[in-house]
Amino acid sequence: MQAVSSLGVLMDKRRRPIGSDGMNDGGQAFLEATLPHLDAIYRVARHASHDYQLTEDLVQETYLHAYAGFAGHSGPSTRAWLVTICLNLARSDGRRRSRRVTEAPMPDADTYLSPGPDFFDQVVAGLERERVARALSQLPEEQRLAIVLMDLAGQTAAEVAHQLDCSRNTVLSRVHRGHRRLAGLLAQENVDHGV
């Protein structure tokens, strides 16, 4: 609910002035602190959910939860805080979905590639991404999370250790073992498919 003060300034429900763009100072501070990390949060959500639509929902839920708790956030790393929220939401969603009966979705019409000048390159790139994603999904969750957070989200080993509640050396070990296992899975797939 918005009200107008005696000076003609638009106020929010807590009687704080709202700027000319319709956002109060807290909202602007939230955007300035969190929007630079949107790409990293999206990458983490994509690998945590394995579904395009669920990824977008997870990113939105992450930012909604972060906005609700932004006043209480005082940590040094906003990105680590957002990734923690995202992972917790993904785990909660995974537990909730595991208790449900699932349906097989129909393929989207836009998933099929239209022939074009670089059709071959698009197909090869898509196959490589699929191979890596398939191999990544075969890794144990601890190794997969460590790789996703360090390699794809660009976090340091110390940040990942804090989020996963383990030591920095454990994170480095999981990443190293995950990389070795990932390379083995990709090499095995090349041999199995005769590529």
N, C-alpha and C. Protein backbone atom coordinates (compact mmCIF):
# COMPACT_ATOMS: atom_id res chain seq x y z
N MET A 1 0.84 -1.17 0.00
CA MET A 1 0.00 0.00 0.00
C MET A 1 0.88 1.23 0.00
N GLN A 2 0.58 2.16 -0.86
CA GLN A 2 1.36 3.38 -0.96
C GLN A 2 0.51 4.56 -0.51
N ALA A 3 1.15 5.52 0.11
CA ALA A 3 0.47 6.72 0.57
C ALA A 3 1.30 7.92 0.15
N VAL A 4 0.69 9.09 0.23
CA VAL A 4 1.39 10.32 -0.11
C VAL A 4 1.57 11.12 1.17
N SER A 5 2.79 11.55 1.44
CA SER A 5 3.06 12.33 2.64
C SER A 5 2.55 13.75 2.46
N SER A 6 2.62 14.52 3.53
CA SER A 6 2.15 15.91 3.47
C SER A 6 3.00 16.74 2.52
N LEU A 7 4.20 16.29 2.20
CA LEU A 7 5.07 17.01 1.28
C LEU A 7 4.88 16.56 -0.16
N GLY A 8 3.96 15.60 -0.39
CA GLY A 8 3.70 15.13 -1.74
C GLY A 8 4.65 14.05 -2.20
N VAL A 9 5.40 13.43 -1.26
CA VAL A 9 6.34 12.36 -1.60
C VAL A 9 5.62 11.03 -1.43
N LEU A 10 5.76 10.15 -2.42
CA LEU A 10 5.15 8.83 -2.36
C LEU A 10 5.84 8.00 -1.29
N MET A 11 5.06 7.33 -0.42
CA MET A 11 5.60 6.56 0.70
C MET A 11 5.15 5.11 0.57
N ASP A 12 5.99 4.15 1.06
CA ASP A 12 5.58 2.76 1.09
C ASP A 12 4.83 2.48 2.39
N LYS A 13 4.45 1.19 2.62
CA LYS A 13 3.63 0.88 3.79
C LYS A 13 4.34 1.11 5.11
N ARG A 14 5.65 1.18 5.11
CA ARG A 14 6.40 1.47 6.34
C ARG A 14 6.72 2.96 6.47
N ARG A 15 6.08 3.74 5.64
CA ARG A 15 6.22 5.19 5.66
C ARG A 15 7.63 5.65 5.29
N ARG A 16 8.26 4.90 4.35
CA ARG A 16 9.56 5.30 3.82
C ARG A 16 9.34 5.87 2.44
N PRO A 17 10.10 6.91 2.07
CA PRO A 17 9.90 7.51 0.75
C PRO A 17 10.31 6.55 -0.37
N ILE A 18 9.54 6.60 -1.43
CA ILE A 18 9.83 5.79 -2.61
C ILE A 18 10.40 6.72 -3.67
N GLY A 19 11.47 6.30 -4.33
CA GLY A 19 12.12 7.12 -5.34
C GLY A 19 11.26 7.32 -6.57
N SER A 20 11.74 8.11 -7.48
CA SER A 20 10.97 8.44 -8.69
C SER A 20 10.76 7.21 -9.57
N ASP A 21 11.61 6.20 -9.43
CA ASP A 21 11.44 5.00 -10.23
C ASP A 21 10.53 3.97 -9.55
N GLY A 22 9.92 4.32 -8.42
CA GLY A 22 9.00 3.43 -7.73
C GLY A 22 9.68 2.46 -6.79
N MET A 23 10.97 2.66 -6.49
CA MET A 23 11.70 1.73 -5.64
C MET A 23 12.32 2.49 -4.47
N ASN A 24 12.21 1.92 -3.27
CA ASN A 24 12.81 2.60 -2.12
C ASN A 24 14.30 2.30 -2.06
N ASP A 25 15.00 2.92 -1.14
CA ASP A 25 16.46 2.78 -1.06
C ASP A 25 16.88 1.33 -0.80
N GLY A 26 16.09 0.58 -0.01
CA GLY A 26 16.42 -0.82 0.27
C GLY A 26 16.36 -1.68 -0.98
N GLY A 27 15.37 -1.42 -1.82
CA GLY A 27 15.26 -2.18 -3.07
C GLY A 27 16.39 -1.87 -4.02
N GLN A 28 16.78 -0.62 -4.08
CA GLN A 28 17.89 -0.22 -4.95
C GLN A 28 19.20 -0.84 -4.45
N ALA A 29 19.40 -0.84 -3.14
CA ALA A 29 20.61 -1.45 -2.57
C ALA A 29 20.64 -2.95 -2.85
N PHE A 30 19.47 -3.59 -2.76
CA PHE A 30 19.38 -5.01 -3.05
C PHE A 30 19.79 -5.29 -4.50
N LEU A 31 19.24 -4.52 -5.43
CA LEU A 31 19.57 -4.72 -6.84
C LEU A 31 21.05 -4.49 -7.11
N GLU A 32 21.61 -3.46 -6.53
CA GLU A 32 23.02 -3.16 -6.74
C GLU A 32 23.92 -4.26 -6.18
N ALA A 33 23.49 -4.87 -5.07
CA ALA A 33 24.31 -5.90 -4.45
C ALA A 33 24.16 -7.27 -5.11
N THR A 34 22.98 -7.56 -5.68
CA THR A 34 22.73 -8.92 -6.15
C THR A 34 22.75 -9.11 -7.66
N LEU A 35 22.38 -8.11 -8.43
CA LEU A 35 22.31 -8.30 -9.88
C LEU A 35 23.64 -8.65 -10.54
N PRO A 36 24.79 -8.17 -10.03
CA PRO A 36 26.04 -8.61 -10.67
C PRO A 36 26.29 -10.12 -10.59
N HIS A 37 25.57 -10.81 -9.71
CA HIS A 37 25.78 -12.24 -9.51
C HIS A 37 24.72 -13.10 -10.19
N LEU A 38 23.85 -12.48 -10.99
CA LEU A 38 22.75 -13.20 -11.62
C LEU A 38 23.23 -14.34 -12.51
N ASP A 39 24.27 -14.13 -13.30
CA ASP A 39 24.78 -15.18 -14.19
C ASP A 39 25.31 -16.38 -13.40
N ALA A 40 26.03 -16.12 -12.33
CA ALA A 40 26.56 -17.22 -11.50
C ALA A 40 25.42 -18.00 -10.86
N ILE A 41 24.41 -17.31 -10.38
CA ILE A 41 23.27 -17.98 -9.75
C ILE A 41 22.52 -18.80 -10.80
N TYR A 42 22.40 -18.27 -12.00
CA TYR A 42 21.73 -19.02 -13.06
C TYR A 42 22.49 -20.30 -13.40
N ARG A 43 23.82 -20.22 -13.47
CA ARG A 43 24.62 -21.43 -13.77
C ARG A 43 24.45 -22.48 -12.67
N VAL A 44 24.49 -22.04 -11.43
CA VAL A 44 24.32 -22.98 -10.31
C VAL A 44 22.93 -23.60 -10.38
N ALA A 45 21.92 -22.79 -10.62
CA ALA A 45 20.54 -23.29 -10.68
C ALA A 45 20.35 -24.26 -11.84
N ARG A 46 20.99 -23.97 -12.98
CA ARG A 46 20.86 -24.85 -14.15
C ARG A 46 21.42 -26.23 -13.85
N HIS A 47 22.54 -26.28 -13.17
CA HIS A 47 23.13 -27.58 -12.88
C HIS A 47 22.48 -28.26 -11.68
N ALA A 48 21.82 -27.51 -10.85
CA ALA A 48 21.13 -28.11 -9.72
C ALA A 48 19.76 -28.65 -10.11
N SER A 49 19.13 -28.06 -11.14
CA SER A 49 17.77 -28.47 -11.48
C SER A 49 17.68 -29.34 -12.73
N HIS A 50 18.61 -29.23 -13.66
CA HIS A 50 18.64 -30.03 -14.90
C HIS A 50 17.41 -29.80 -15.79
N ASP A 51 16.73 -28.68 -15.65
CA ASP A 51 15.56 -28.39 -16.46
C ASP A 51 15.48 -26.88 -16.66
N TYR A 52 15.26 -26.44 -17.89
CA TYR A 52 15.27 -25.02 -18.23
C TYR A 52 14.22 -24.24 -17.42
N GLN A 53 12.99 -24.74 -17.40
CA GLN A 53 11.93 -24.03 -16.69
C GLN A 53 12.16 -24.05 -15.18
N LEU A 54 12.60 -25.17 -14.66
CA LEU A 54 12.89 -25.24 -13.23
C LEU A 54 14.04 -24.32 -12.87
N THR A 55 14.99 -24.17 -13.79
CA THR A 55 16.12 -23.27 -13.55
C THR A 55 15.64 -21.84 -13.37
N GLU A 56 14.78 -21.39 -14.28
CA GLU A 56 14.27 -20.03 -14.18
C GLU A 56 13.46 -19.84 -12.90
N ASP A 57 12.64 -20.83 -12.56
CA ASP A 57 11.87 -20.75 -11.32
C ASP A 57 12.78 -20.69 -10.10
N LEU A 58 13.85 -21.50 -10.13
CA LEU A 58 14.77 -21.54 -9.01
C LEU A 58 15.51 -20.21 -8.84
N VAL A 59 15.90 -19.59 -9.94
CA VAL A 59 16.56 -18.28 -9.86
C VAL A 59 15.59 -17.24 -9.30
N GLN A 60 14.34 -17.26 -9.77
CA GLN A 60 13.35 -16.31 -9.25
C GLN A 60 13.11 -16.52 -7.76
N GLU A 61 12.95 -17.77 -7.35
CA GLU A 61 12.75 -18.06 -5.92
C GLU A 61 13.96 -17.62 -5.09
N THR A 62 15.15 -17.82 -5.64
CA THR A 62 16.37 -17.41 -4.95
C THR A 62 16.35 -15.91 -4.70
N TYR A 63 16.04 -15.16 -5.72
CA TYR A 63 16.02 -13.71 -5.57
C TYR A 63 14.88 -13.24 -4.68
N LEU A 64 13.74 -13.93 -4.71
CA LEU A 64 12.64 -13.56 -3.80
C LEU A 64 13.04 -13.80 -2.34
N HIS A 65 13.62 -14.96 -2.07
CA HIS A 65 14.08 -15.25 -0.70
C HIS A 65 15.18 -14.28 -0.27
N ALA A 66 16.08 -13.98 -1.20
CA ALA A 66 17.16 -13.06 -0.87
C ALA A 66 16.62 -11.67 -0.58
N TYR A 67 15.64 -11.23 -1.35
CA TYR A 67 15.06 -9.90 -1.11
C TYR A 67 14.38 -9.85 0.25
N ALA A 68 13.67 -10.93 0.59
CA ALA A 68 12.98 -10.97 1.87
C ALA A 68 13.97 -10.94 3.04
N GLY A 69 15.14 -11.54 2.87
CA GLY A 69 16.11 -11.60 3.95
C GLY A 69 17.26 -10.63 3.81
N PHE A 70 17.16 -9.70 2.86
CA PHE A 70 18.30 -8.81 2.58
C PHE A 70 18.62 -7.90 3.77
N ALA A 71 17.63 -7.49 4.51
CA ALA A 71 17.88 -6.59 5.64
C ALA A 71 18.76 -7.27 6.69
N GLY A 72 18.66 -8.58 6.82
CA GLY A 72 19.46 -9.31 7.80
C GLY A 72 20.79 -9.80 7.28
N HIS A 73 21.07 -9.58 6.00
CA HIS A 73 22.33 -10.06 5.40
C HIS A 73 23.46 -9.10 5.74
N SER A 74 24.49 -9.65 6.34
CA SER A 74 25.64 -8.80 6.67
C SER A 74 26.96 -9.48 6.33
N GLY A 75 26.90 -10.57 5.59
CA GLY A 75 28.11 -11.32 5.27
C GLY A 75 29.00 -10.60 4.28
N PRO A 76 30.22 -11.07 4.15
CA PRO A 76 31.17 -10.41 3.25
C PRO A 76 30.91 -10.72 1.77
N SER A 77 30.32 -11.86 1.46
CA SER A 77 30.15 -12.27 0.07
C SER A 77 28.67 -12.44 -0.26
N THR A 78 28.15 -11.53 -1.03
CA THR A 78 26.75 -11.62 -1.45
C THR A 78 26.56 -12.80 -2.39
N ARG A 79 27.54 -13.06 -3.24
CA ARG A 79 27.44 -14.18 -4.18
C ARG A 79 27.34 -15.51 -3.43
N ALA A 80 28.17 -15.70 -2.42
CA ALA A 80 28.11 -16.94 -1.64
C ALA A 80 26.77 -17.08 -0.94
N TRP A 81 26.24 -15.97 -0.44
CA TRP A 81 24.94 -15.97 0.23
C TRP A 81 23.85 -16.37 -0.76
N LEU A 82 23.88 -15.82 -1.98
CA LEU A 82 22.88 -16.16 -2.98
C LEU A 82 22.99 -17.62 -3.43
N VAL A 83 24.22 -18.10 -3.60
CA VAL A 83 24.41 -19.50 -4.00
C VAL A 83 23.90 -20.44 -2.91
N THR A 84 24.12 -20.09 -1.66
CA THR A 84 23.62 -20.91 -0.56
C THR A 84 22.10 -20.97 -0.58
N ILE A 85 21.46 -19.83 -0.79
CA ILE A 85 19.99 -19.81 -0.89
C ILE A 85 19.54 -20.67 -2.05
N CYS A 86 20.19 -20.54 -3.19
CA CYS A 86 19.83 -21.30 -4.39
C CYS A 86 19.96 -22.81 -4.15
N LEU A 87 21.07 -23.23 -3.56
CA LEU A 87 21.28 -24.66 -3.30
C LEU A 87 20.27 -25.20 -2.30
N ASN A 88 19.97 -24.43 -1.26
CA ASN A 88 18.98 -24.87 -0.28
C ASN A 88 17.61 -25.01 -0.92
N LEU A 89 17.23 -24.06 -1.77
CA LEU A 89 15.95 -24.15 -2.46
C LEU A 89 15.93 -25.34 -3.42
N ALA A 90 17.04 -25.59 -4.11
CA ALA A 90 17.11 -26.73 -5.03
C ALA A 90 16.96 -28.04 -4.26
N ARG A 91 17.62 -28.14 -3.12
CA ARG A 91 17.49 -29.37 -2.32
C ARG A 91 16.07 -29.55 -1.82
N SER A 92 15.45 -28.47 -1.35
CA SER A 92 14.06 -28.55 -0.88
C SER A 92 13.13 -28.95 -2.00
N ASP A 93 13.33 -28.36 -3.17
CA ASP A 93 12.51 -28.69 -4.33
C ASP A 93 12.73 -30.14 -4.75
N GLY A 94 13.97 -30.60 -4.70
CA GLY A 94 14.26 -32.00 -5.04
C GLY A 94 13.58 -32.97 -4.10
N ARG A 95 13.59 -32.65 -2.81
CA ARG A 95 12.90 -33.52 -1.85
C ARG A 95 11.40 -33.53 -2.11
N ARG A 96 10.84 -32.36 -2.40
CA ARG A 96 9.41 -32.27 -2.66
C ARG A 96 9.05 -33.02 -3.93
N ARG A 97 9.85 -32.89 -4.97
CA ARG A 97 9.56 -33.57 -6.24
C ARG A 97 9.75 -35.08 -6.14
N SER A 98 10.63 -35.53 -5.27
CA SER A 98 10.85 -36.97 -5.14
C SER A 98 9.64 -37.66 -4.52
N ARG A 99 8.83 -36.90 -3.84
CA ARG A 99 7.63 -37.48 -3.23
C ARG A 99 6.43 -37.44 -4.17
N ARG A 100 6.58 -36.82 -5.34
CA ARG A 100 5.49 -36.67 -6.29
C ARG A 100 5.60 -37.67 -7.44
N VAL A 101 4.47 -37.93 -8.08
CA VAL A 101 4.46 -38.69 -9.31
C VAL A 101 4.81 -37.70 -10.43
N THR A 102 5.74 -38.08 -11.28
CA THR A 102 6.18 -37.15 -12.33
C THR A 102 5.58 -37.53 -13.68
N GLU A 103 5.47 -36.53 -14.54
CA GLU A 103 4.98 -36.73 -15.89
C GLU A 103 6.11 -36.47 -16.87
N ALA A 104 6.05 -37.11 -18.02
CA ALA A 104 7.05 -36.86 -19.05
C ALA A 104 6.56 -35.69 -19.90
N PRO A 105 7.33 -34.58 -19.94
CA PRO A 105 6.86 -33.42 -20.71
C PRO A 105 7.01 -33.64 -22.22
N MET A 106 6.16 -32.97 -22.96
CA MET A 106 6.26 -33.00 -24.42
C MET A 106 7.42 -32.11 -24.83
N PRO A 107 8.15 -32.47 -25.89
CA PRO A 107 9.25 -31.61 -26.33
C PRO A 107 8.71 -30.30 -26.88
N ASP A 108 9.42 -29.22 -26.62
CA ASP A 108 9.05 -27.90 -27.14
C ASP A 108 9.31 -27.85 -28.64
N ALA A 109 8.52 -27.05 -29.32
CA ALA A 109 8.69 -26.93 -30.77
C ALA A 109 10.01 -26.26 -31.12
N ASP A 110 10.49 -25.37 -30.22
CA ASP A 110 11.72 -24.65 -30.52
C ASP A 110 12.98 -25.44 -30.18
N THR A 111 12.84 -26.68 -29.71
CA THR A 111 14.03 -27.47 -29.40
C THR A 111 14.67 -28.05 -30.65
N TYR A 112 13.91 -28.09 -31.75
CA TYR A 112 14.47 -28.63 -32.98
C TYR A 112 15.22 -27.52 -33.71
N LEU A 113 16.40 -27.84 -34.18
CA LEU A 113 17.21 -26.85 -34.87
C LEU A 113 16.76 -26.73 -36.33
N SER A 114 16.70 -25.52 -36.78
CA SER A 114 16.37 -25.30 -38.20
C SER A 114 17.67 -25.27 -38.99
N PRO A 115 17.66 -25.86 -40.19
CA PRO A 115 18.88 -25.85 -40.99
C PRO A 115 19.28 -24.43 -41.34
N GLY A 116 20.56 -24.16 -41.24
CA GLY A 116 21.07 -22.84 -41.55
C GLY A 116 22.51 -22.97 -42.00
N PRO A 117 23.19 -21.85 -42.18
CA PRO A 117 24.56 -21.90 -42.67
C PRO A 117 25.51 -22.62 -41.70
N ASP A 118 25.26 -22.53 -40.39
CA ASP A 118 26.16 -23.18 -39.43
C ASP A 118 25.45 -24.30 -38.69
N PHE A 119 24.57 -25.00 -39.38
CA PHE A 119 23.79 -26.07 -38.77
C PHE A 119 24.69 -27.16 -38.20
N PHE A 120 25.69 -27.56 -38.92
CA PHE A 120 26.60 -28.61 -38.46
C PHE A 120 27.30 -28.20 -37.17
N ASP A 121 27.79 -26.95 -37.12
CA ASP A 121 28.47 -26.47 -35.91
C ASP A 121 27.52 -26.45 -34.72
N GLN A 122 26.26 -26.06 -34.93
CA GLN A 122 25.28 -26.04 -33.86
C GLN A 122 25.02 -27.45 -33.33
N VAL A 123 24.91 -28.39 -34.23
CA VAL A 123 24.65 -29.78 -33.83
C VAL A 123 25.82 -30.33 -33.03
N VAL A 124 27.04 -30.12 -33.51
CA VAL A 124 28.24 -30.62 -32.82
C VAL A 124 28.35 -29.98 -31.43
N ALA A 125 28.15 -28.67 -31.35
CA ALA A 125 28.24 -27.98 -30.06
C ALA A 125 27.16 -28.50 -29.10
N GLY A 126 25.96 -28.72 -29.63
CA GLY A 126 24.88 -29.25 -28.80
C GLY A 126 25.19 -30.65 -28.29
N LEU A 127 25.78 -31.48 -29.15
CA LEU A 127 26.15 -32.84 -28.74
C LEU A 127 27.23 -32.82 -27.67
N GLU A 128 28.21 -31.92 -27.81
CA GLU A 128 29.28 -31.82 -26.81
C GLU A 128 28.72 -31.39 -25.47
N ARG A 129 27.83 -30.38 -25.47
CA ARG A 129 27.21 -29.93 -24.22
C ARG A 129 26.42 -31.06 -23.58
N GLU A 130 25.68 -31.79 -24.41
CA GLU A 130 24.89 -32.91 -23.89
C GLU A 130 25.79 -33.99 -23.29
N ARG A 131 26.90 -34.29 -23.96
CA ARG A 131 27.83 -35.30 -23.45
C ARG A 131 28.38 -34.88 -22.10
N VAL A 132 28.81 -33.62 -21.99
CA VAL A 132 29.39 -33.15 -20.74
C VAL A 132 28.33 -33.13 -19.64
N ALA A 133 27.13 -32.65 -19.97
CA ALA A 133 26.05 -32.60 -18.97
C ALA A 133 25.67 -34.02 -18.53
N ARG A 134 25.64 -34.96 -19.46
CA ARG A 134 25.31 -36.34 -19.12
C ARG A 134 26.39 -36.95 -18.22
N ALA A 135 27.64 -36.70 -18.56
CA ALA A 135 28.74 -37.22 -17.75
C ALA A 135 28.75 -36.54 -16.37
N LEU A 136 28.48 -35.25 -16.33
CA LEU A 136 28.45 -34.52 -15.06
C LEU A 136 27.35 -35.05 -14.16
N SER A 137 26.22 -35.42 -14.75
CA SER A 137 25.11 -35.94 -13.94
C SER A 137 25.41 -37.33 -13.37
N GLN A 138 26.40 -38.03 -13.93
CA GLN A 138 26.76 -39.35 -13.42
C GLN A 138 27.72 -39.29 -12.24
N LEU A 139 28.27 -38.12 -11.98
CA LEU A 139 29.19 -37.97 -10.85
C LEU A 139 28.42 -38.00 -9.53
N PRO A 140 29.07 -38.42 -8.45
CA PRO A 140 28.42 -38.32 -7.14
C PRO A 140 28.09 -36.86 -6.84
N GLU A 141 27.03 -36.63 -6.08
CA GLU A 141 26.55 -35.27 -5.84
C GLU A 141 27.61 -34.37 -5.23
N GLU A 142 28.41 -34.90 -4.31
CA GLU A 142 29.44 -34.08 -3.67
C GLU A 142 30.45 -33.55 -4.70
N GLN A 143 30.89 -34.43 -5.60
CA GLN A 143 31.85 -34.02 -6.63
C GLN A 143 31.19 -33.08 -7.64
N ARG A 144 29.95 -33.39 -8.04
CA ARG A 144 29.26 -32.55 -9.02
C ARG A 144 29.04 -31.14 -8.47
N LEU A 145 28.61 -31.01 -7.22
CA LEU A 145 28.39 -29.69 -6.64
C LEU A 145 29.70 -28.90 -6.54
N ALA A 146 30.76 -29.56 -6.13
CA ALA A 146 32.05 -28.88 -6.01
C ALA A 146 32.51 -28.38 -7.37
N ILE A 147 32.37 -29.19 -8.42
CA ILE A 147 32.78 -28.78 -9.76
C ILE A 147 31.90 -27.64 -10.27
N VAL A 148 30.60 -27.76 -10.08
CA VAL A 148 29.69 -26.71 -10.57
C VAL A 148 29.98 -25.39 -9.87
N LEU A 149 30.17 -25.42 -8.56
CA LEU A 149 30.39 -24.18 -7.83
C LEU A 149 31.74 -23.55 -8.15
N MET A 150 32.77 -24.36 -8.29
CA MET A 150 34.10 -23.79 -8.57
C MET A 150 34.29 -23.48 -10.04
N ASP A 151 34.00 -24.42 -10.93
CA ASP A 151 34.31 -24.24 -12.34
C ASP A 151 33.27 -23.41 -13.08
N LEU A 152 32.00 -23.62 -12.77
CA LEU A 152 30.96 -22.92 -13.53
C LEU A 152 30.50 -21.63 -12.85
N ALA A 153 30.42 -21.63 -11.52
CA ALA A 153 29.99 -20.42 -10.81
C ALA A 153 31.17 -19.52 -10.48
N GLY A 154 32.39 -20.02 -10.63
CA GLY A 154 33.58 -19.20 -10.44
C GLY A 154 33.89 -18.86 -8.99
N GLN A 155 33.48 -19.71 -8.08
CA GLN A 155 33.75 -19.44 -6.67
C GLN A 155 35.09 -20.02 -6.26
N THR A 156 35.62 -19.49 -5.17
CA THR A 156 36.87 -20.01 -4.65
C THR A 156 36.61 -21.27 -3.84
N ALA A 157 37.67 -22.02 -3.58
CA ALA A 157 37.53 -23.24 -2.79
C ALA A 157 37.05 -22.92 -1.37
N ALA A 158 37.49 -21.79 -0.82
CA ALA A 158 37.06 -21.41 0.53
C ALA A 158 35.57 -21.09 0.56
N GLU A 159 35.06 -20.40 -0.47
CA GLU A 159 33.63 -20.10 -0.52
C GLU A 159 32.81 -21.38 -0.65
N VAL A 160 33.26 -22.28 -1.49
CA VAL A 160 32.54 -23.55 -1.68
C VAL A 160 32.58 -24.36 -0.38
N ALA A 161 33.72 -24.36 0.29
CA ALA A 161 33.84 -25.09 1.56
C ALA A 161 32.85 -24.55 2.58
N HIS A 162 32.71 -23.25 2.63
CA HIS A 162 31.77 -22.64 3.57
C HIS A 162 30.33 -23.05 3.24
N GLN A 163 30.00 -23.06 1.95
CA GLN A 163 28.63 -23.40 1.53
C GLN A 163 28.31 -24.87 1.73
N LEU A 164 29.29 -25.73 1.51
CA LEU A 164 29.06 -27.18 1.64
C LEU A 164 29.38 -27.69 3.03
N ASP A 165 29.83 -26.79 3.91
CA ASP A 165 30.13 -27.12 5.30
C ASP A 165 31.18 -28.24 5.40
N CYS A 166 32.30 -28.01 4.72
CA CYS A 166 33.42 -28.94 4.79
C CYS A 166 34.71 -28.13 4.67
N SER A 167 35.84 -28.78 4.76
CA SER A 167 37.11 -28.05 4.70
C SER A 167 37.46 -27.70 3.24
N ARG A 168 38.35 -26.72 3.10
CA ARG A 168 38.81 -26.30 1.77
C ARG A 168 39.51 -27.45 1.07
N ASN A 169 40.33 -28.21 1.79
CA ASN A 169 41.04 -29.34 1.19
C ASN A 169 40.07 -30.42 0.71
N THR A 170 38.97 -30.61 1.42
CA THR A 170 37.97 -31.58 0.99
C THR A 170 37.37 -31.14 -0.34
N VAL A 171 37.09 -29.85 -0.46
CA VAL A 171 36.53 -29.33 -1.71
C VAL A 171 37.52 -29.55 -2.86
N LEU A 172 38.79 -29.21 -2.63
CA LEU A 172 39.79 -29.39 -3.68
C LEU A 172 39.93 -30.86 -4.07
N SER A 173 39.85 -31.73 -3.09
CA SER A 173 39.92 -33.17 -3.36
C SER A 173 38.72 -33.62 -4.19
N ARG A 174 37.52 -33.14 -3.83
CA ARG A 174 36.31 -33.51 -4.58
C ARG A 174 36.39 -33.01 -6.02
N VAL A 175 36.89 -31.80 -6.20
CA VAL A 175 37.01 -31.25 -7.55
C VAL A 175 38.02 -32.06 -8.36
N HIS A 176 39.16 -32.38 -7.75
CA HIS A 176 40.20 -33.15 -8.46
C HIS A 176 39.66 -34.52 -8.85
N ARG A 177 39.06 -35.22 -7.90
CA ARG A 177 38.52 -36.56 -8.20
C ARG A 177 37.38 -36.48 -9.22
N GLY A 178 36.56 -35.43 -9.10
CA GLY A 178 35.47 -35.24 -10.05
C GLY A 178 35.97 -34.99 -11.46
N HIS A 179 37.04 -34.18 -11.57
CA HIS A 179 37.62 -33.92 -12.89
C HIS A 179 38.16 -35.21 -13.50
N ARG A 180 38.86 -36.00 -12.68
CA ARG A 180 39.41 -37.27 -13.20
C ARG A 180 38.29 -38.20 -13.64
N ARG A 181 37.25 -38.30 -12.82
CA ARG A 181 36.14 -39.20 -13.15
C ARG A 181 35.38 -38.69 -14.38
N LEU A 182 35.20 -37.38 -14.47
CA LEU A 182 34.52 -36.77 -15.63
C LEU A 182 35.30 -37.05 -16.91
N ALA A 183 36.62 -36.90 -16.86
CA ALA A 183 37.45 -37.18 -18.03
C ALA A 183 37.33 -38.65 -18.42
N GLY A 184 37.31 -39.53 -17.43
CA GLY A 184 37.15 -40.96 -17.72
C GLY A 184 35.81 -41.28 -18.35
N LEU A 185 34.74 -40.65 -17.84
CA LEU A 185 33.41 -40.89 -18.41
C LEU A 185 33.32 -40.38 -19.85
N LEU A 186 33.91 -39.22 -20.11
CA LEU A 186 33.89 -38.69 -21.47
C LEU A 186 34.73 -39.54 -22.42
N ALA A 187 35.87 -40.01 -21.94
CA ALA A 187 36.71 -40.88 -22.78
C ALA A 187 36.01 -42.21 -23.04
N GLN A 188 35.34 -42.76 -22.01
CA GLN A 188 34.62 -44.01 -22.17
C GLN A 188 33.48 -43.85 -23.17
N GLU A 189 32.80 -42.72 -23.15
CA GLU A 189 31.71 -42.49 -24.09
C GLU A 189 32.24 -42.41 -25.52
N ASN A 190 33.41 -41.83 -25.72
CA ASN A 190 34.01 -41.80 -27.06
C ASN A 190 34.31 -43.19 -27.54
N VAL A 191 34.83 -44.06 -26.67
CA VAL A 191 35.14 -45.43 -27.06
C VAL A 191 33.87 -46.22 -27.31
N ASP A 192 32.86 -46.04 -26.41
CA ASP A 192 31.61 -46.79 -26.56
C ASP A 192 30.87 -46.45 -27.85
N HIS A 193 30.93 -45.18 -28.26
CA HIS A 193 30.19 -44.75 -29.43
C HIS A 193 31.04 -44.76 -30.69
N GLY A 194 32.31 -45.15 -30.55
CA GLY A 194 33.18 -45.23 -31.71
C GLY A 194 33.53 -43.88 -32.31
N VAL A 195 33.53 -42.84 -31.49
CA VAL A 195 33.84 -41.49 -31.98
C VAL A 195 35.32 -41.31 -32.06
